[in-house]
Amino acid sequence: MRAAFMRQAGVVEVADFPDPVPASGEVLVRMHHASICGSDTHVVLDGFHRPERFGEPGYPGHEGVGVVEESRSERFAVGDRVLTVPPGWLGACFAELQVVPEAYLVPVPDGVTLQRGLMAQQLGTTVFAMKKFVRPDVDPATGTAVVIGAGSAGLYFVQHLRRLGYAQVVVSEPDRERRALARRLGATRILDPTTESLVDVVAHLTDHVGADLVVEAAGYDALRAEAIEIVRHSGTVGFFGYPEVSGDAPYPSFLAFRRNVSIEWVNGAQLEPGLASFHEAMGLIAAGDIAVDHCLERFLDLEDVDAAVRLAKRRGEGAAKINLTMPAGRVTSAG
């Protein structure tokens, strides 16, 4: 099979590997498509890799979709269409074939294309995050929420917040095309942080009280600090964006203390019992309750995976999501 791999930090290559063989409780999935996660760019380019996985096929990809080709599981049969959601450190979906334990598979229902089903991976992580971010003592009808960063995850958060009924959903995003997507998906106030102050905008909209909920979905330390600056007293800050560095980072601890802020980090959706959030995400896509097609506009071939990772690092140059197509996916997409 053809598969991407990391020979060393800083680059991902493609080469031929032996076909993997599933063990008991596992399935062999012929991958059709995969997505580049923000964490993948950190693994490849920013030193967040696991050296013991150098040379292993498919690493670090963990957002993938395909068809079961061989099964040693009682839960999945040959021909089943599945979303593969292993934890990032076990990811191997940047390959034509991937062995996946049955515990990390979600069926793709009839009526949902594999490309659209692929989006349930990241959408599922935002569903999981919202379970941590949402508080019962906040009335969305009178509340203000802020999303910092309008990449694929940020745009999902916009939709979650609007579905909850938040009166105001503010989005801060420097890319013009992504700002347009945020407006189309329901944001009530969009700003370009290179020309407007998010602090001033939130102060004006809330009469200097601050936002009830701030979701940092871009992954920068300066933006995490800004999130704490604009949240109201006893409000909630959700850190969805990946850490910028692997060590210590600047943190406005005194301001967070004074404001009595509740801070929630997001990790471990793949370890949630029954993969509940991923199943919920697939249901939202099937029902048309969450839009995902804006994340399906940019696909590169597996052979171009290094370029795809670097494009994702450049914020997609306006594209909400960067995806990969495997040889099997080219056939189904064409047919």
C-alpha atoms as a PDB file:
ATOM      1  CA  MET A   1       0.000   0.000   0.000  1.00  0.00           C
ATOM      2  CA  ARG A   2       0.948   3.647  -0.350  1.00  0.00           C
ATOM      3  CA  ALA A   3       1.151   5.537   2.912  1.00  0.00           C
ATOM      4  CA  ALA A   4       2.480   8.755   4.351  1.00  0.00           C
ATOM      5  CA  PHE A   5       5.065   8.620   7.134  1.00  0.00           C
ATOM      6  CA  MET A   6       7.433  10.805   9.082  1.00  0.00           C
ATOM      7  CA  ARG A   7      11.059   9.892   8.621  1.00  0.00           C
ATOM      8  CA  GLN A   8      12.016  12.763  10.898  1.00  0.00           C
ATOM      9  CA  ALA A   9      10.566  15.944  12.320  1.00  0.00           C
ATOM     10  CA  GLY A  10       9.498  18.593   9.864  1.00  0.00           C
ATOM     11  CA  VAL A  11       8.459  16.577   6.832  1.00  0.00           C
ATOM     12  CA  VAL A  12       5.974  13.897   5.888  1.00  0.00           C
ATOM     13  CA  GLU A  13       6.722  11.631   2.919  1.00  0.00           C
ATOM     14  CA  VAL A  14       4.887   8.916   0.956  1.00  0.00           C
ATOM     15  CA  ALA A  15       6.228   5.427   0.233  1.00  0.00           C
ATOM     16  CA  ASP A  16       5.215   1.786  -0.249  1.00  0.00           C
ATOM     17  CA  PHE A  17       4.530  -0.364   2.823  1.00  0.00           C
ATOM     18  CA  PRO A  18       3.285  -3.918   3.419  1.00  0.00           C
ATOM     19  CA  ASP A  19      -0.465  -4.194   3.838  1.00  0.00           C
ATOM     20  CA  PRO A  20      -1.356  -4.282   7.563  1.00  0.00           C
ATOM     21  CA  VAL A  21      -3.153  -7.276   9.048  1.00  0.00           C
ATOM     22  CA  PRO A  22      -5.931  -6.913  11.650  1.00  0.00           C
ATOM     23  CA  ALA A  23      -5.878  -8.840  14.920  1.00  0.00           C
ATOM     24  CA  SER A  24      -8.862 -10.012  16.940  1.00  0.00           C
ATOM     25  CA  GLY A  25     -11.283  -7.151  17.596  1.00  0.00           C
ATOM     26  CA  GLU A  26      -9.846  -5.070  14.764  1.00  0.00           C
ATOM     27  CA  VAL A  27     -10.828  -4.292  11.189  1.00  0.00           C
ATOM     28  CA  LEU A  28      -8.864  -3.410   8.080  1.00  0.00           C
ATOM     29  CA  VAL A  29     -10.254  -0.258   6.505  1.00  0.00           C
ATOM     30  CA  ARG A  30      -9.540   0.794   2.937  1.00  0.00           C
ATOM     31  CA  MET A  31      -9.307   4.534   3.406  1.00  0.00           C
ATOM     32  CA  HIS A  32     -11.089   6.831   0.961  1.00  0.00           C
ATOM     33  CA  HIS A  33     -10.502  10.252   2.497  1.00  0.00           C
ATOM     34  CA  ALA A  34      -8.737  11.913   5.415  1.00  0.00           C
ATOM     35  CA  SER A  35      -8.547  15.403   6.891  1.00  0.00           C
ATOM     36  CA  ILE A  36      -5.627  17.406   8.171  1.00  0.00           C
ATOM     37  CA  CYS A  37      -6.214  18.241  11.837  1.00  0.00           C
ATOM     38  CA  GLY A  38      -4.578  21.259  13.414  1.00  0.00           C
ATOM     39  CA  SER A  39      -2.766  18.853  15.701  1.00  0.00           C
ATOM     40  CA  ASP A  40      -1.261  17.149  12.626  1.00  0.00           C
ATOM     41  CA  THR A  41       0.450  20.394  11.641  1.00  0.00           C
ATOM     42  CA  HIS A  42       1.874  20.659  15.156  1.00  0.00           C
ATOM     43  CA  VAL A  43       3.085  17.049  15.058  1.00  0.00           C
ATOM     44  CA  VAL A  44       4.787  17.389  11.677  1.00  0.00           C
ATOM     45  CA  LEU A  45       6.069  20.961  11.841  1.00  0.00           C
ATOM     46  CA  ASP A  46       6.199  22.102  15.469  1.00  0.00           C
ATOM     47  CA  GLY A  47       7.881  19.301  17.386  1.00  0.00           C
ATOM     48  CA  PHE A  48       4.808  17.655  18.936  1.00  0.00           C
ATOM     49  CA  HIS A  49       5.626  14.301  17.325  1.00  0.00           C
ATOM     50  CA  ARG A  50       6.207  10.961  19.024  1.00  0.00           C
ATOM     51  CA  PRO A  51       9.693   9.816  17.940  1.00  0.00           C
ATOM     52  CA  GLU A  52       8.771   6.165  18.431  1.00  0.00           C
ATOM     53  CA  ARG A  53       6.305   6.519  15.567  1.00  0.00           C
ATOM     54  CA  PHE A  54       8.855   7.757  13.043  1.00  0.00           C
ATOM     55  CA  GLY A  55       8.712   5.497  10.003  1.00  0.00           C
ATOM     56  CA  GLU A  56       5.261   4.073  10.769  1.00  0.00           C
ATOM     57  CA  PRO A  57       2.745   4.253   7.906  1.00  0.00           C
ATOM     58  CA  GLY A  58      -0.193   6.645   8.134  1.00  0.00           C
ATOM     59  CA  TYR A  59       1.060   8.663  11.110  1.00  0.00           C
ATOM     60  CA  PRO A  60      -0.060  11.213  12.304  1.00  0.00           C
ATOM     61  CA  GLY A  61      -3.432  11.145  10.494  1.00  0.00           C
ATOM     62  CA  HIS A  62      -6.441  10.405  12.717  1.00  0.00           C
ATOM     63  CA  GLU A  63      -9.414  11.925  10.852  1.00  0.00           C
ATOM     64  CA  GLY A  64     -10.331   9.333   8.253  1.00  0.00           C
ATOM     65  CA  VAL A  65     -13.173   7.528   6.524  1.00  0.00           C
ATOM     66  CA  GLY A  66     -13.349   4.390   4.420  1.00  0.00           C
ATOM     67  CA  VAL A  67     -14.808   0.938   3.850  1.00  0.00           C
ATOM     68  CA  VAL A  68     -14.126  -2.212   5.873  1.00  0.00           C
ATOM     69  CA  GLU A  69     -12.109  -4.619   3.725  1.00  0.00           C
ATOM     70  CA  GLU A  70     -11.419  -7.320   6.319  1.00  0.00           C
ATOM     71  CA  SER A  71     -13.025  -7.752   9.732  1.00  0.00           C
ATOM     72  CA  ARG A  72     -12.060  -9.645  12.838  1.00  0.00           C
ATOM     73  CA  SER A  73     -14.773  -7.831  14.784  1.00  0.00           C
ATOM     74  CA  GLU A  74     -18.277  -9.004  15.588  1.00  0.00           C
ATOM     75  CA  ARG A  75     -19.524  -5.418  15.362  1.00  0.00           C
ATOM     76  CA  PHE A  76     -18.412  -4.551  11.820  1.00  0.00           C
ATOM     77  CA  ALA A  77     -18.658  -6.464   8.553  1.00  0.00           C
ATOM     78  CA  VAL A  78     -16.840  -6.307   5.240  1.00  0.00           C
ATOM     79  CA  GLY A  79     -18.345  -3.486   3.180  1.00  0.00           C
ATOM     80  CA  ASP A  80     -19.363  -1.323   6.146  1.00  0.00           C
ATOM     81  CA  ARG A  81     -18.634   2.372   5.661  1.00  0.00           C
ATOM     82  CA  VAL A  82     -16.914   3.758   8.739  1.00  0.00           C
ATOM     83  CA  LEU A  83     -15.424   6.859  10.296  1.00  0.00           C
ATOM     84  CA  THR A  84     -12.123   6.070  12.019  1.00  0.00           C
ATOM     85  CA  VAL A  85     -11.552   8.024  15.240  1.00  0.00           C
ATOM     86  CA  PRO A  86      -8.510   6.653  17.083  1.00  0.00           C
ATOM     87  CA  PRO A  87      -6.742   8.974  19.535  1.00  0.00           C
ATOM     88  CA  GLY A  88      -4.215  11.151  17.748  1.00  0.00           C
ATOM     89  CA  TRP A  89      -1.193   9.267  19.019  1.00  0.00           C
ATOM     90  CA  LEU A  90      -2.571   6.058  17.454  1.00  0.00           C
ATOM     91  CA  GLY A  91      -3.554   7.670  14.160  1.00  0.00           C
ATOM     92  CA  ALA A  92      -2.570   5.962  10.909  1.00  0.00           C
ATOM     93  CA  CYS A  93      -5.150   7.113   8.379  1.00  0.00           C
ATOM     94  CA  PHE A  94      -2.810   8.846   5.926  1.00  0.00           C
ATOM     95  CA  ALA A  95      -2.593   5.521   4.115  1.00  0.00           C
ATOM     96  CA  GLU A  96      -4.493   3.365   1.652  1.00  0.00           C
ATOM     97  CA  LEU A  97      -5.162   0.795   4.390  1.00  0.00           C
ATOM     98  CA  GLN A  98      -5.497   1.218   8.135  1.00  0.00           C
ATOM     99  CA  VAL A  99      -6.030  -1.277  10.950  1.00  0.00           C
ATOM    100  CA  VAL A 100      -8.444   0.128  13.529  1.00  0.00           C
ATOM    101  CA  PRO A 101      -9.717  -1.386  16.801  1.00  0.00           C
ATOM    102  CA  GLU A 102     -13.491  -1.736  16.749  1.00  0.00           C
ATOM    103  CA  ALA A 103     -13.756   0.668  19.697  1.00  0.00           C
ATOM    104  CA  TYR A 104     -12.660   3.556  17.440  1.00  0.00           C
ATOM    105  CA  LEU A 105     -15.138   3.138  14.587  1.00  0.00           C
ATOM    106  CA  VAL A 106     -18.398   4.968  13.881  1.00  0.00           C
ATOM    107  CA  PRO A 107     -20.745   3.766  11.121  1.00  0.00           C
ATOM    108  CA  VAL A 108     -21.470   6.180   8.279  1.00  0.00           C
ATOM    109  CA  PRO A 109     -25.245   5.936   7.720  1.00  0.00           C
ATOM    110  CA  ASP A 110     -26.937   5.474   4.377  1.00  0.00           C
ATOM    111  CA  GLY A 111     -27.587   8.791   2.718  1.00  0.00           C
ATOM    112  CA  VAL A 112     -24.370  10.374   4.028  1.00  0.00           C
ATOM    113  CA  THR A 113     -21.482  10.460   1.571  1.00  0.00           C
ATOM    114  CA  LEU A 114     -18.077   9.389   2.806  1.00  0.00           C
ATOM    115  CA  GLN A 115     -16.751  12.916   2.337  1.00  0.00           C
ATOM    116  CA  ARG A 116     -19.509  14.400   4.468  1.00  0.00           C
ATOM    117  CA  GLY A 117     -19.202  11.575   7.003  1.00  0.00           C
ATOM    118  CA  LEU A 118     -15.523  12.424   7.374  1.00  0.00           C
ATOM    119  CA  MET A 119     -16.512  15.761   8.879  1.00  0.00           C
ATOM    120  CA  ALA A 120     -18.095  13.979  11.864  1.00  0.00           C
ATOM    121  CA  GLN A 121     -14.622  13.498  13.338  1.00  0.00           C
ATOM    122  CA  GLN A 122     -13.829  17.137  14.049  1.00  0.00           C
ATOM    123  CA  LEU A 123     -17.484  18.000  14.490  1.00  0.00           C
ATOM    124  CA  GLY A 124     -17.603  15.290  17.159  1.00  0.00           C
ATOM    125  CA  THR A 125     -14.771  16.921  19.071  1.00  0.00           C
ATOM    126  CA  THR A 126     -16.719  20.199  19.111  1.00  0.00           C
ATOM    127  CA  VAL A 127     -19.861  18.392  20.301  1.00  0.00           C
ATOM    128  CA  PHE A 128     -17.728  16.943  23.101  1.00  0.00           C
ATOM    129  CA  ALA A 129     -16.336  20.407  23.863  1.00  0.00           C
ATOM    130  CA  MET A 130     -19.771  21.994  24.101  1.00  0.00           C
ATOM    131  CA  LYS A 131     -20.688  19.530  26.840  1.00  0.00           C
ATOM    132  CA  LYS A 132     -17.888  21.098  28.873  1.00  0.00           C
ATOM    133  CA  PHE A 133     -18.438  24.718  27.822  1.00  0.00           C
ATOM    134  CA  VAL A 134     -22.201  25.089  28.270  1.00  0.00           C
ATOM    135  CA  ARG A 135     -23.462  26.049  31.723  1.00  0.00           C
ATOM    136  CA  PRO A 136     -27.059  25.719  32.915  1.00  0.00           C
ATOM    137  CA  ASP A 137     -27.007  29.080  34.699  1.00  0.00           C
ATOM    138  CA  VAL A 138     -26.555  31.073  31.463  1.00  0.00           C
ATOM    139  CA  ASP A 139     -29.612  32.009  29.420  1.00  0.00           C
ATOM    140  CA  PRO A 140     -28.479  31.926  25.767  1.00  0.00           C
ATOM    141  CA  ALA A 141     -31.399  34.124  24.721  1.00  0.00           C
ATOM    142  CA  THR A 142     -29.798  37.051  26.509  1.00  0.00           C
ATOM    143  CA  GLY A 143     -26.209  35.877  26.353  1.00  0.00           C
ATOM    144  CA  THR A 144     -23.137  36.773  24.343  1.00  0.00           C
ATOM    145  CA  ALA A 145     -20.686  34.179  23.051  1.00  0.00           C
ATOM    146  CA  VAL A 146     -17.412  34.825  21.252  1.00  0.00           C
ATOM    147  CA  VAL A 147     -15.547  32.476  18.922  1.00  0.00           C
ATOM    148  CA  ILE A 148     -11.912  33.354  18.264  1.00  0.00           C
ATOM    149  CA  GLY A 149     -10.858  31.783  14.987  1.00  0.00           C
ATOM    150  CA  ALA A 150     -13.168  30.747  12.137  1.00  0.00           C
ATOM    151  CA  GLY A 151     -11.446  27.642  10.884  1.00  0.00           C
ATOM    152  CA  SER A 152     -13.444  24.446  10.566  1.00  0.00           C
ATOM    153  CA  ALA A 153     -13.797  24.000  14.336  1.00  0.00           C
ATOM    154  CA  GLY A 154     -14.640  27.649  14.954  1.00  0.00           C
ATOM    155  CA  LEU A 155     -17.347  27.518  12.292  1.00  0.00           C
ATOM    156  CA  TYR A 156     -18.850  24.456  13.956  1.00  0.00           C
ATOM    157  CA  PHE A 157     -18.894  26.322  17.271  1.00  0.00           C
ATOM    158  CA  VAL A 158     -20.740  29.206  15.610  1.00  0.00           C
ATOM    159  CA  GLN A 159     -23.434  26.779  14.527  1.00  0.00           C
ATOM    160  CA  HIS A 160     -23.640  25.073  17.936  1.00  0.00           C
ATOM    161  CA  LEU A 161     -24.046  28.416  19.670  1.00  0.00           C
ATOM    162  CA  ARG A 162     -26.721  29.626  17.286  1.00  0.00           C
ATOM    163  CA  ARG A 163     -28.605  26.341  17.668  1.00  0.00           C
ATOM    164  CA  LEU A 164     -28.506  26.861  21.430  1.00  0.00           C
ATOM    165  CA  GLY A 165     -30.146  30.225  20.913  1.00  0.00           C
ATOM    166  CA  TYR A 166     -27.352  32.640  21.809  1.00  0.00           C
ATOM    167  CA  ALA A 167     -28.556  36.150  21.030  1.00  0.00           C
ATOM    168  CA  GLN A 168     -25.089  37.333  20.063  1.00  0.00           C
ATOM    169  CA  VAL A 169     -22.314  35.234  18.534  1.00  0.00           C
ATOM    170  CA  VAL A 170     -19.210  37.301  17.843  1.00  0.00           C
ATOM    171  CA  VAL A 171     -16.466  35.934  15.588  1.00  0.00           C
ATOM    172  CA  SER A 172     -12.909  37.245  15.368  1.00  0.00           C
ATOM    173  CA  GLU A 173     -11.056  36.047  12.249  1.00  0.00           C
ATOM    174  CA  PRO A 174      -8.357  37.721  10.130  1.00  0.00           C
ATOM    175  CA  ASP A 175      -9.138  35.833   6.888  1.00  0.00           C
ATOM    176  CA  ARG A 176     -11.769  37.507   4.689  1.00  0.00           C
ATOM    177  CA  GLU A 177     -13.159  34.278   3.204  1.00  0.00           C
ATOM    178  CA  ARG A 178     -13.531  32.653   6.594  1.00  0.00           C
ATOM    179  CA  ARG A 179     -15.271  35.756   7.941  1.00  0.00           C
ATOM    180  CA  ALA A 180     -17.764  35.461   5.097  1.00  0.00           C
ATOM    181  CA  LEU A 181     -18.394  31.822   6.037  1.00  0.00           C
ATOM    182  CA  ALA A 182     -18.929  32.775   9.669  1.00  0.00           C
ATOM    183  CA  ARG A 183     -21.540  35.340   8.654  1.00  0.00           C
ATOM    184  CA  ARG A 184     -23.307  32.837   6.414  1.00  0.00           C
ATOM    185  CA  LEU A 185     -23.386  30.259   9.222  1.00  0.00           C
ATOM    186  CA  GLY A 186     -25.025  32.576  11.720  1.00  0.00           C
ATOM    187  CA  ALA A 187     -22.486  34.849  13.422  1.00  0.00           C
ATOM    188  CA  THR A 188     -24.159  38.103  14.443  1.00  0.00           C
ATOM    189  CA  ARG A 189     -20.981  40.220  14.561  1.00  0.00           C
ATOM    190  CA  ILE A 190     -17.787  39.494  12.634  1.00  0.00           C
ATOM    191  CA  LEU A 191     -14.570  41.436  12.969  1.00  0.00           C
ATOM    192  CA  ASP A 192     -11.105  41.455  11.497  1.00  0.00           C
ATOM    193  CA  PRO A 193      -8.721  41.589  14.488  1.00  0.00           C
ATOM    194  CA  THR A 194      -6.080  43.294  12.344  1.00  0.00           C
ATOM    195  CA  THR A 195      -8.312  46.360  12.002  1.00  0.00           C
ATOM    196  CA  GLU A 196     -10.662  46.184  15.006  1.00  0.00           C
ATOM    197  CA  SER A 197     -10.171  45.500  18.702  1.00  0.00           C
ATOM    198  CA  LEU A 198     -12.058  42.440  19.931  1.00  0.00           C
ATOM    199  CA  VAL A 199     -11.808  43.827  23.447  1.00  0.00           C
ATOM    200  CA  ASP A 200     -13.530  47.048  22.401  1.00  0.00           C
ATOM    201  CA  VAL A 201     -16.201  45.277  20.353  1.00  0.00           C
ATOM    202  CA  VAL A 202     -17.166  42.945  23.194  1.00  0.00           C
ATOM    203  CA  ALA A 203     -17.166  45.812  25.692  1.00  0.00           C
ATOM    204  CA  HIS A 204     -19.523  47.788  23.457  1.00  0.00           C
ATOM    205  CA  LEU A 205     -21.879  44.858  22.796  1.00  0.00           C
ATOM    206  CA  THR A 206     -22.128  43.868  26.474  1.00  0.00           C
ATOM    207  CA  ASP A 207     -22.098  47.311  28.077  1.00  0.00           C
ATOM    208  CA  HIS A 208     -18.649  46.473  29.483  1.00  0.00           C
ATOM    209  CA  VAL A 209     -19.918  43.338  31.285  1.00  0.00           C
ATOM    210  CA  GLY A 210     -18.045  40.855  29.083  1.00  0.00           C
ATOM    211  CA  ALA A 211     -18.994  37.715  27.192  1.00  0.00           C
ATOM    212  CA  ASP A 212     -20.695  34.796  28.916  1.00  0.00           C
ATOM    213  CA  LEU A 213     -18.672  32.262  26.929  1.00  0.00           C
ATOM    214  CA  VAL A 214     -15.484  32.675  24.918  1.00  0.00           C
ATOM    215  CA  VAL A 215     -14.225  29.817  22.731  1.00  0.00           C
ATOM    216  CA  GLU A 216     -10.600  30.087  21.613  1.00  0.00           C
ATOM    217  CA  ALA A 217     -10.449  27.894  18.488  1.00  0.00           C
ATOM    218  CA  ALA A 218      -7.239  29.065  16.832  1.00  0.00           C
ATOM    219  CA  GLY A 219      -4.531  27.807  19.169  1.00  0.00           C
ATOM    220  CA  TYR A 220      -2.430  30.857  20.011  1.00  0.00           C
ATOM    221  CA  ASP A 221      -1.298  31.939  23.469  1.00  0.00           C
ATOM    222  CA  ALA A 222      -2.015  35.617  22.790  1.00  0.00           C
ATOM    223  CA  LEU A 223      -5.596  34.721  21.872  1.00  0.00           C
ATOM    224  CA  ARG A 224      -6.043  32.613  24.995  1.00  0.00           C
ATOM    225  CA  ALA A 225      -4.968  35.633  27.016  1.00  0.00           C
ATOM    226  CA  GLU A 226      -7.401  37.799  25.042  1.00  0.00           C
ATOM    227  CA  ALA A 227     -10.190  35.324  25.800  1.00  0.00           C
ATOM    228  CA  ILE A 228      -9.678  35.848  29.518  1.00  0.00           C
ATOM    229  CA  GLU A 229      -9.643  39.610  28.992  1.00  0.00           C
ATOM    230  CA  ILE A 230     -13.078  39.684  27.323  1.00  0.00           C
ATOM    231  CA  VAL A 231     -15.001  37.152  29.435  1.00  0.00           C
ATOM    232  CA  ARG A 232     -17.373  38.411  32.121  1.00  0.00           C
ATOM    233  CA  HIS A 233     -16.901  37.830  35.837  1.00  0.00           C
ATOM    234  CA  SER A 234     -17.626  34.146  36.596  1.00  0.00           C
ATOM    235  CA  GLY A 235     -17.915  33.451  32.875  1.00  0.00           C
ATOM    236  CA  THR A 236     -16.495  30.504  30.953  1.00  0.00           C
ATOM    237  CA  VAL A 237     -13.515  30.306  28.637  1.00  0.00           C
ATOM    238  CA  GLY A 238     -13.192  27.233  26.442  1.00  0.00           C
ATOM    239  CA  PHE A 239      -9.726  26.456  25.104  1.00  0.00           C
ATOM    240  CA  PHE A 240     -10.248  24.264  22.041  1.00  0.00           C
ATOM    241  CA  GLY A 241      -7.168  25.349  20.102  1.00  0.00           C
ATOM    242  CA  TYR A 242      -4.083  23.137  20.378  1.00  0.00           C
ATOM    243  CA  PRO A 243      -1.277  24.398  22.653  1.00  0.00           C
ATOM    244  CA  GLU A 244       1.164  26.606  20.799  1.00  0.00           C
ATOM    245  CA  VAL A 245       4.257  25.177  22.517  1.00  0.00           C
ATOM    246  CA  SER A 246       4.929  21.929  24.343  1.00  0.00           C
ATOM    247  CA  GLY A 247       6.332  23.662  27.407  1.00  0.00           C
ATOM    248  CA  ASP A 248       5.153  26.505  29.630  1.00  0.00           C
ATOM    249  CA  ALA A 249       3.259  29.398  28.050  1.00  0.00           C
ATOM    250  CA  PRO A 250       2.332  32.937  29.156  1.00  0.00           C
ATOM    251  CA  TYR A 251      -0.885  32.993  31.124  1.00  0.00           C
ATOM    252  CA  PRO A 252      -2.785  35.938  32.727  1.00  0.00           C
ATOM    253  CA  SER A 253      -3.366  34.063  35.964  1.00  0.00           C
ATOM    254  CA  PHE A 254      -4.105  37.107  38.124  1.00  0.00           C
ATOM    255  CA  LEU A 255      -6.743  38.418  35.747  1.00  0.00           C
ATOM    256  CA  ALA A 256      -8.358  34.964  35.549  1.00  0.00           C
ATOM    257  CA  PHE A 257      -8.318  34.830  39.350  1.00  0.00           C
ATOM    258  CA  ARG A 258      -9.894  38.262  39.732  1.00  0.00           C
ATOM    259  CA  ARG A 259     -12.626  37.404  37.252  1.00  0.00           C
ATOM    260  CA  ASN A 260     -13.283  34.004  38.827  1.00  0.00           C
ATOM    261  CA  VAL A 261     -13.149  32.485  35.335  1.00  0.00           C
ATOM    262  CA  SER A 262     -14.049  28.878  34.635  1.00  0.00           C
ATOM    263  CA  ILE A 263     -11.519  27.551  32.116  1.00  0.00           C
ATOM    264  CA  GLU A 264     -12.135  24.346  30.188  1.00  0.00           C
ATOM    265  CA  TRP A 265      -9.579  22.574  28.014  1.00  0.00           C
ATOM    266  CA  VAL A 266     -10.715  19.969  25.492  1.00  0.00           C
ATOM    267  CA  ASN A 267      -9.006  16.622  25.084  1.00  0.00           C
ATOM    268  CA  GLY A 268     -10.050  12.971  25.019  1.00  0.00           C
ATOM    269  CA  ALA A 269     -13.227  12.898  22.930  1.00  0.00           C
ATOM    270  CA  GLN A 270     -12.052   9.540  21.564  1.00  0.00           C
ATOM    271  CA  LEU A 271     -12.088   8.135  25.090  1.00  0.00           C
ATOM    272  CA  GLU A 272     -15.697   9.123  25.800  1.00  0.00           C
ATOM    273  CA  PRO A 273     -17.794   6.003  26.494  1.00  0.00           C
ATOM    274  CA  GLY A 274     -19.380   4.715  23.326  1.00  0.00           C
ATOM    275  CA  LEU A 275     -17.847   7.517  21.227  1.00  0.00           C
ATOM    276  CA  ALA A 276     -21.069   9.348  22.074  1.00  0.00           C
ATOM    277  CA  SER A 277     -20.100  12.752  20.663  1.00  0.00           C
ATOM    278  CA  PHE A 278     -18.959  11.288  17.336  1.00  0.00           C
ATOM    279  CA  HIS A 279     -22.216   9.371  16.956  1.00  0.00           C
ATOM    280  CA  GLU A 280     -24.109  12.569  17.783  1.00  0.00           C
ATOM    281  CA  ALA A 281     -22.068  14.470  15.204  1.00  0.00           C
ATOM    282  CA  MET A 282     -22.843  11.887  12.520  1.00  0.00           C
ATOM    283  CA  GLY A 283     -26.521  12.260  13.374  1.00  0.00           C
ATOM    284  CA  LEU A 284     -26.326  16.049  13.065  1.00  0.00           C
ATOM    285  CA  ILE A 285     -24.795  15.699   9.613  1.00  0.00           C
ATOM    286  CA  ALA A 286     -27.336  13.096   8.505  1.00  0.00           C
ATOM    287  CA  ALA A 287     -30.212  15.325   9.648  1.00  0.00           C
ATOM    288  CA  GLY A 288     -28.741  18.437   8.034  1.00  0.00           C
ATOM    289  CA  ASP A 289     -28.686  20.229  11.383  1.00  0.00           C
ATOM    290  CA  ILE A 290     -25.028  21.252  11.061  1.00  0.00           C
ATOM    291  CA  ALA A 291     -23.590  22.454   7.745  1.00  0.00           C
ATOM    292  CA  VAL A 292     -20.331  20.794   6.702  1.00  0.00           C
ATOM    293  CA  ASP A 293     -20.087  21.286   2.937  1.00  0.00           C
ATOM    294  CA  HIS A 294     -17.994  24.433   3.368  1.00  0.00           C
ATOM    295  CA  CYS A 295     -15.270  22.118   4.742  1.00  0.00           C
ATOM    296  CA  LEU A 296     -15.258  19.963   1.591  1.00  0.00           C
ATOM    297  CA  GLU A 297     -13.938  22.479  -0.900  1.00  0.00           C
ATOM    298  CA  ARG A 298     -10.240  21.527  -0.828  1.00  0.00           C
ATOM    299  CA  PHE A 299      -8.951  17.975  -1.386  1.00  0.00           C
ATOM    300  CA  LEU A 300      -5.392  17.016  -2.298  1.00  0.00           C
ATOM    301  CA  ASP A 301      -4.091  13.570  -3.240  1.00  0.00           C
ATOM    302  CA  LEU A 302      -2.311  11.381  -0.708  1.00  0.00           C
ATOM    303  CA  GLU A 303       0.906  11.880  -2.676  1.00  0.00           C
ATOM    304  CA  ASP A 304       0.670  15.603  -1.869  1.00  0.00           C
ATOM    305  CA  VAL A 305       0.288  15.117   1.888  1.00  0.00           C
ATOM    306  CA  ASP A 306       3.327  17.247   2.779  1.00  0.00           C
ATOM    307  CA  ALA A 307       1.926  20.164   0.776  1.00  0.00           C
ATOM    308  CA  ALA A 308      -1.463  19.583   2.397  1.00  0.00           C
ATOM    309  CA  VAL A 309      -0.009  19.799   5.914  1.00  0.00           C
ATOM    310  CA  ARG A 310       1.836  23.000   5.056  1.00  0.00           C
ATOM    311  CA  LEU A 311      -1.277  24.476   3.465  1.00  0.00           C
ATOM    312  CA  ALA A 312      -3.238  23.689   6.623  1.00  0.00           C
ATOM    313  CA  LYS A 313      -0.517  25.418   8.641  1.00  0.00           C
ATOM    314  CA  ARG A 314      -1.122  28.512   6.501  1.00  0.00           C
ATOM    315  CA  ARG A 315      -4.755  28.439   7.651  1.00  0.00           C
ATOM    316  CA  GLY A 316      -5.841  26.831   4.409  1.00  0.00           C
ATOM    317  CA  GLU A 317      -5.322  30.105   2.513  1.00  0.00           C
ATOM    318  CA  GLY A 318      -9.008  30.763   3.109  1.00  0.00           C
ATOM    319  CA  ALA A 319     -10.246  27.167   2.865  1.00  0.00           C
ATOM    320  CA  ALA A 320     -12.012  26.057   6.036  1.00  0.00           C
ATOM    321  CA  LYS A 321     -10.518  22.544   5.941  1.00  0.00           C
ATOM    322  CA  ILE A 322      -7.751  20.744   4.043  1.00  0.00           C
ATOM    323  CA  ASN A 323      -8.481  17.130   3.132  1.00  0.00           C
ATOM    324  CA  LEU A 324      -6.826  14.193   1.391  1.00  0.00           C
ATOM    325  CA  THR A 325      -8.173  11.735  -1.149  1.00  0.00           C
ATOM    326  CA  MET A 326      -6.800   8.186  -1.379  1.00  0.00           C
ATOM    327  CA  PRO A 327      -6.830   6.121  -4.610  1.00  0.00           C
ATOM    328  CA  ALA A 328     -10.067   4.396  -3.527  1.00  0.00           C
ATOM    329  CA  GLY A 329     -11.629   7.791  -2.842  1.00  0.00           C
ATOM    330  CA  ARG A 330     -10.783   9.009  -6.351  1.00  0.00           C
ATOM    331  CA  VAL A 331     -12.777   6.098  -7.772  1.00  0.00           C
ATOM    332  CA  THR A 332     -15.881   6.692  -5.612  1.00  0.00           C
ATOM    333  CA  SER A 333     -15.748  10.463  -6.057  1.00  0.00           C
ATOM    334  CA  ALA A 334     -15.580  10.064  -9.838  1.00  0.00           C
ATOM    335  CA  GLY A 335     -18.371   7.482  -9.866  1.00  0.00           C
END
